[in-house]
Amino acid sequence: MDLHDFFCNRKAFARNADQIVAFLTAANPNWSKKELTDMFYTHLKLTTDEVLARLEKDWDKDIRSADRNETHLIHMGDILTEGIVKQFPDKFK
């Protein structure tokens, strides 16, 4: 994929994130649409940073971007887990 194709797909990535957020917030009222949207868009930004660093062969920046994204995804997983526990408290006693 060249840079043109990558940047053209960013709108598709955002639409996909919006669709995932709509699905998740419909499935669990404990998840905030704004919070999930912010988290998914942050993930897209961090992934974009990582991809661009890799394409530029800036390996130090690639590693830093991957590390930031990993930390963000761990936090995102925690938020999703909290929503599931709130939705099904009897399953987590």
C-alpha atoms as a PDB file:
ATOM      1  CA  MET A   1       0.000   0.000   0.000  1.00  0.00           C
ATOM      2  CA  ASP A   2       1.427   3.394  -0.896  1.00  0.00           C
ATOM      3  CA  LEU A   3       0.875   6.555   1.167  1.00  0.00           C
ATOM      4  CA  HIS A   4      -1.927   7.765  -1.094  1.00  0.00           C
ATOM      5  CA  ASP A   5      -3.888   4.556  -0.604  1.00  0.00           C
ATOM      6  CA  PHE A   6      -3.236   4.621   3.123  1.00  0.00           C
ATOM      7  CA  PHE A   7      -4.510   8.162   3.567  1.00  0.00           C
ATOM      8  CA  CYS A   8      -7.535   7.536   1.347  1.00  0.00           C
ATOM      9  CA  ASN A   9      -8.490   4.657   3.641  1.00  0.00           C
ATOM     10  CA  ARG A  10      -8.400   6.823   6.782  1.00  0.00           C
ATOM     11  CA  LYS A  11     -12.006   7.887   6.155  1.00  0.00           C
ATOM     12  CA  ALA A  12     -12.981   4.229   5.870  1.00  0.00           C
ATOM     13  CA  PHE A  13     -11.128   3.506   9.115  1.00  0.00           C
ATOM     14  CA  ALA A  14     -13.074   6.281  10.864  1.00  0.00           C
ATOM     15  CA  ARG A  15     -16.399   4.997   9.496  1.00  0.00           C
ATOM     16  CA  ASN A  16     -15.517   1.528  10.731  1.00  0.00           C
ATOM     17  CA  ALA A  17     -14.676   2.899  14.186  1.00  0.00           C
ATOM     18  CA  ASP A  18     -18.019   4.728  14.263  1.00  0.00           C
ATOM     19  CA  GLN A  19     -19.835   1.512  13.339  1.00  0.00           C
ATOM     20  CA  ILE A  20     -18.048  -0.450  16.062  1.00  0.00           C
ATOM     21  CA  VAL A  21     -18.853   2.236  18.648  1.00  0.00           C
ATOM     22  CA  ALA A  22     -22.529   2.254  17.585  1.00  0.00           C
ATOM     23  CA  PHE A  23     -22.691  -1.530  17.929  1.00  0.00           C
ATOM     24  CA  LEU A  24     -20.948  -1.587  21.312  1.00  0.00           C
ATOM     25  CA  THR A  25     -22.968   1.236  22.865  1.00  0.00           C
ATOM     26  CA  ALA A  26     -26.201  -0.382  21.673  1.00  0.00           C
ATOM     27  CA  ALA A  27     -25.097  -3.672  23.267  1.00  0.00           C
ATOM     28  CA  ASN A  28     -24.058  -2.188  26.611  1.00  0.00           C
ATOM     29  CA  PRO A  29     -25.531   1.001  28.112  1.00  0.00           C
ATOM     30  CA  ASN A  30     -22.554   1.266  30.480  1.00  0.00           C
ATOM     31  CA  TRP A  31     -20.261   2.359  27.660  1.00  0.00           C
ATOM     32  CA  SER A  32     -20.255   6.034  26.791  1.00  0.00           C
ATOM     33  CA  LYS A  33     -20.476   6.775  23.069  1.00  0.00           C
ATOM     34  CA  LYS A  34     -18.192   9.787  23.468  1.00  0.00           C
ATOM     35  CA  GLU A  35     -15.604   7.888  25.518  1.00  0.00           C
ATOM     36  CA  LEU A  36     -15.512   4.927  23.108  1.00  0.00           C
ATOM     37  CA  THR A  37     -15.383   7.217  20.070  1.00  0.00           C
ATOM     38  CA  ASP A  38     -12.465   9.111  21.592  1.00  0.00           C
ATOM     39  CA  MET A  39     -10.700   5.841  22.400  1.00  0.00           C
ATOM     40  CA  PHE A  40     -11.186   4.346  18.929  1.00  0.00           C
ATOM     41  CA  TYR A  41     -10.100   7.560  17.200  1.00  0.00           C
ATOM     42  CA  THR A  42      -7.038   7.747  19.448  1.00  0.00           C
ATOM     43  CA  HIS A  43      -6.231   4.164  18.480  1.00  0.00           C
ATOM     44  CA  LEU A  44      -6.508   5.114  14.794  1.00  0.00           C
ATOM     45  CA  LYS A  45      -4.197   8.106  15.330  1.00  0.00           C
ATOM     46  CA  LEU A  46      -1.630   6.018  17.176  1.00  0.00           C
ATOM     47  CA  THR A  47      -1.798   3.287  14.532  1.00  0.00           C
ATOM     48  CA  THR A  48      -1.358   5.898  11.795  1.00  0.00           C
ATOM     49  CA  ASP A  49       1.690   7.297  13.595  1.00  0.00           C
ATOM     50  CA  GLU A  50       3.133   3.800  13.815  1.00  0.00           C
ATOM     51  CA  VAL A  51       2.521   3.009  10.149  1.00  0.00           C
ATOM     52  CA  LEU A  52       4.015   6.291   8.965  1.00  0.00           C
ATOM     53  CA  ALA A  53       7.107   5.786  11.121  1.00  0.00           C
ATOM     54  CA  ARG A  54       7.521   2.302   9.690  1.00  0.00           C
ATOM     55  CA  LEU A  55       7.106   3.535   6.111  1.00  0.00           C
ATOM     56  CA  GLU A  56       9.719   6.217   6.819  1.00  0.00           C
ATOM     57  CA  LYS A  57      11.978   3.516   8.353  1.00  0.00           C
ATOM     58  CA  ASP A  58      12.166   5.574  11.534  1.00  0.00           C
ATOM     59  CA  TRP A  59      12.469   2.536  13.781  1.00  0.00           C
ATOM     60  CA  ASP A  60      12.818   4.453  17.048  1.00  0.00           C
ATOM     61  CA  LYS A  61       9.607   6.377  16.340  1.00  0.00           C
ATOM     62  CA  ASP A  62       7.942   3.134  15.202  1.00  0.00           C
ATOM     63  CA  ILE A  63       8.766   1.491  18.541  1.00  0.00           C
ATOM     64  CA  ARG A  64       7.646   4.535  20.564  1.00  0.00           C
ATOM     65  CA  SER A  65       4.381   4.649  18.607  1.00  0.00           C
ATOM     66  CA  ALA A  66       3.778   0.939  19.109  1.00  0.00           C
ATOM     67  CA  ASP A  67       4.450   1.305  22.834  1.00  0.00           C
ATOM     68  CA  ARG A  68       2.005   4.222  23.143  1.00  0.00           C
ATOM     69  CA  ASN A  69      -0.604   2.267  21.208  1.00  0.00           C
ATOM     70  CA  GLU A  70      -0.124  -0.804  23.412  1.00  0.00           C
ATOM     71  CA  THR A  71      -0.597   1.284  26.566  1.00  0.00           C
ATOM     72  CA  HIS A  72      -3.703   2.876  25.053  1.00  0.00           C
ATOM     73  CA  LEU A  73      -5.167  -0.506  24.061  1.00  0.00           C
ATOM     74  CA  ILE A  74      -4.627  -1.877  27.566  1.00  0.00           C
ATOM     75  CA  HIS A  75      -6.557   1.117  28.939  1.00  0.00           C
ATOM     76  CA  MET A  76      -9.232   0.593  26.299  1.00  0.00           C
ATOM     77  CA  GLY A  77      -9.552  -3.056  27.347  1.00  0.00           C
ATOM     78  CA  ASP A  78      -9.958  -1.959  30.965  1.00  0.00           C
ATOM     79  CA  ILE A  79     -12.790   0.415  30.031  1.00  0.00           C
ATOM     80  CA  LEU A  80     -14.550  -2.296  28.030  1.00  0.00           C
ATOM     81  CA  THR A  81     -14.106  -4.794  30.873  1.00  0.00           C
ATOM     82  CA  GLU A  82     -15.579  -2.338  33.399  1.00  0.00           C
ATOM     83  CA  GLY A  83     -18.669  -1.984  31.189  1.00  0.00           C
ATOM     84  CA  ILE A  84     -19.121  -5.747  30.957  1.00  0.00           C
ATOM     85  CA  VAL A  85     -18.743  -6.166  34.730  1.00  0.00           C
ATOM     86  CA  LYS A  86     -21.348  -3.419  35.305  1.00  0.00           C
ATOM     87  CA  GLN A  87     -23.722  -5.037  32.824  1.00  0.00           C
ATOM     88  CA  PHE A  88     -23.364  -8.536  34.322  1.00  0.00           C
ATOM     89  CA  PRO A  89     -22.383  -8.048  37.990  1.00  0.00           C
ATOM     90  CA  ASP A  90     -23.656 -11.482  39.040  1.00  0.00           C
ATOM     91  CA  LYS A  91     -21.146 -13.133  36.708  1.00  0.00           C
ATOM     92  CA  PHE A  92     -18.205 -11.457  38.462  1.00  0.00           C
ATOM     93  CA  LYS A  93     -18.724 -12.151  42.166  1.00  0.00           C
END
